[in-house]
Amino acid sequence: MEARLKTKLVVQAAVRLCTLRAVPIAVARRGDEDAGTILVKLNRLDLGCTVLAQTRGKNGELAWFRATGEGLVDEPTADAYIARQVQRDPDVWVVEIEDREGRQVFAGPVL
């Protein structure tokens, strides 16, 4: 069985990395500290947003998928998606990153 980092530590590492890169990041919602899943709202400012959700790849490795689709969506659409997911899973974490380039700071590829 694969050892996994606690969600709280993964989020703290992302916050630290963004802080070092001067990229605005906020933990909008804290979920289960040990095993909560993470939703990342990448706000590319006037370009739009995308929401990334955790998943597992073909070989069980951590990966991310564009939960709001391939293209960018407006912020209310991203927020509505997140609200629906929080209703379904109260253990979910929500991290918001403002980065015009849309850089992903969490480990794993975006599928």
Protein backbone atom coordinates (compact mmCIF):
# COMPACT_ATOMS: atom_id res chain seq x y z
CA MET A 1 0.00 0.00 0.00
CA GLU A 2 1.30 3.44 -0.99
CA ALA A 3 2.08 5.86 1.84
CA ARG A 4 0.24 9.14 1.37
CA LEU A 5 0.89 12.53 2.83
CA LYS A 6 -1.87 14.02 4.92
CA THR A 7 -3.92 16.53 2.98
CA LYS A 8 -3.10 19.32 5.42
CA LEU A 9 0.63 18.89 4.69
CA VAL A 10 0.08 18.87 0.92
CA VAL A 11 -1.90 22.12 1.14
CA GLN A 12 0.67 23.72 3.45
CA ALA A 13 3.44 22.86 0.97
CA ALA A 14 1.48 24.46 -1.89
CA VAL A 15 0.90 27.60 0.17
CA ARG A 16 4.61 27.79 0.97
CA LEU A 17 5.60 27.30 -2.69
CA CYS A 18 3.20 30.00 -3.88
CA THR A 19 4.40 32.36 -1.17
CA LEU A 20 8.00 31.85 -2.29
CA ARG A 21 6.96 32.55 -5.90
CA ALA A 22 4.84 35.58 -4.90
CA VAL A 23 1.73 33.92 -6.32
CA PRO A 24 -1.47 34.77 -4.40
CA ILE A 25 -3.00 31.67 -2.79
CA ALA A 26 -5.74 31.19 -0.21
CA VAL A 27 -7.18 28.19 1.54
CA ALA A 28 -10.85 28.97 1.01
CA ARG A 29 -12.09 25.85 2.81
CA ARG A 30 -10.46 23.36 5.10
CA GLY A 31 -11.60 19.77 4.91
CA ASP A 32 -10.47 16.58 6.56
CA GLU A 33 -6.83 17.12 7.58
CA ASP A 34 -5.81 13.53 6.96
CA ALA A 35 -7.60 12.36 3.84
CA GLY A 36 -9.73 15.15 2.38
CA THR A 37 -9.59 15.62 -1.38
CA ILE A 38 -8.45 18.93 -2.83
CA LEU A 39 -10.14 21.22 -5.34
CA VAL A 40 -7.93 23.93 -6.83
CA LYS A 41 -9.56 27.01 -8.32
CA LEU A 42 -7.03 28.53 -10.70
CA ASN A 43 -8.15 32.08 -11.28
CA ARG A 44 -6.43 33.48 -14.35
CA LEU A 45 -7.97 36.85 -13.60
CA ASP A 46 -9.66 38.45 -16.64
CA LEU A 47 -9.01 35.29 -18.70
CA GLY A 48 -11.29 33.12 -16.55
CA CYS A 49 -10.99 30.20 -14.15
CA THR A 50 -10.57 26.47 -14.13
CA VAL A 51 -11.17 24.04 -11.28
CA LEU A 52 -8.78 21.13 -10.89
CA ALA A 53 -9.83 18.07 -8.91
CA GLN A 54 -7.70 15.26 -7.57
CA THR A 55 -7.86 11.90 -9.26
CA ARG A 56 -5.65 8.87 -9.77
CA GLY A 57 -3.96 8.01 -13.06
CA LYS A 58 -3.88 4.62 -14.79
CA ASN A 59 -1.16 3.33 -12.48
CA GLY A 60 -2.65 4.81 -9.30
CA GLU A 61 -0.45 7.91 -9.29
CA LEU A 62 -1.85 11.23 -8.15
CA ALA A 63 -3.11 13.37 -11.02
CA TRP A 64 -5.56 16.23 -11.64
CA PHE A 65 -8.41 16.71 -14.06
CA ARG A 66 -10.08 19.86 -15.31
CA ALA A 67 -13.38 19.54 -13.48
CA THR A 68 -14.93 22.51 -15.27
CA GLY A 69 -13.91 21.30 -18.73
CA GLU A 70 -11.07 22.05 -21.13
CA GLY A 71 -11.76 25.76 -21.54
CA LEU A 72 -11.80 28.52 -18.98
CA VAL A 73 -15.07 29.44 -17.27
CA ASP A 74 -16.20 32.58 -15.49
CA GLU A 75 -15.73 32.81 -11.74
CA PRO A 76 -19.42 32.28 -10.82
CA THR A 77 -19.42 29.01 -12.82
CA ALA A 78 -16.26 27.83 -11.04
CA ASP A 79 -17.72 28.80 -7.66
CA ALA A 80 -20.97 26.96 -8.41
CA TYR A 81 -19.06 23.78 -9.27
CA ILE A 82 -17.10 24.03 -6.03
CA ALA A 83 -20.29 24.61 -3.99
CA ARG A 84 -21.87 21.46 -5.45
CA GLN A 85 -18.79 19.41 -4.61
CA VAL A 86 -18.68 20.74 -1.04
CA GLN A 87 -22.33 19.71 -0.59
CA ARG A 88 -21.47 16.18 -1.75
CA ASP A 89 -18.25 15.89 0.24
CA PRO A 90 -17.88 17.93 3.44
CA ASP A 91 -14.25 16.73 3.78
CA VAL A 92 -13.05 18.53 0.63
CA TRP A 93 -10.41 21.27 0.75
CA VAL A 94 -10.69 24.29 -1.56
CA VAL A 95 -7.55 26.19 -2.53
CA GLU A 96 -7.72 29.32 -4.67
CA ILE A 97 -4.72 30.49 -6.68
CA GLU A 98 -4.57 33.73 -8.68
CA ASP A 99 -2.10 33.31 -11.50
CA ARG A 100 -2.55 34.70 -14.99
CA GLU A 101 -0.35 31.88 -16.33
CA GLY A 102 -2.44 29.20 -14.61
CA ARG A 103 0.55 27.33 -13.18
CA GLN A 104 -0.26 24.20 -11.22
CA VAL A 105 1.69 24.01 -7.94
CA PHE A 106 0.46 20.64 -6.72
CA ALA A 107 2.31 17.43 -7.60
CA GLY A 108 0.97 15.35 -10.45
CA PRO A 109 0.06 15.94 -14.07
CA VAL A 110 -3.13 17.60 -15.30
CA LEU A 111 -5.00 15.05 -17.39
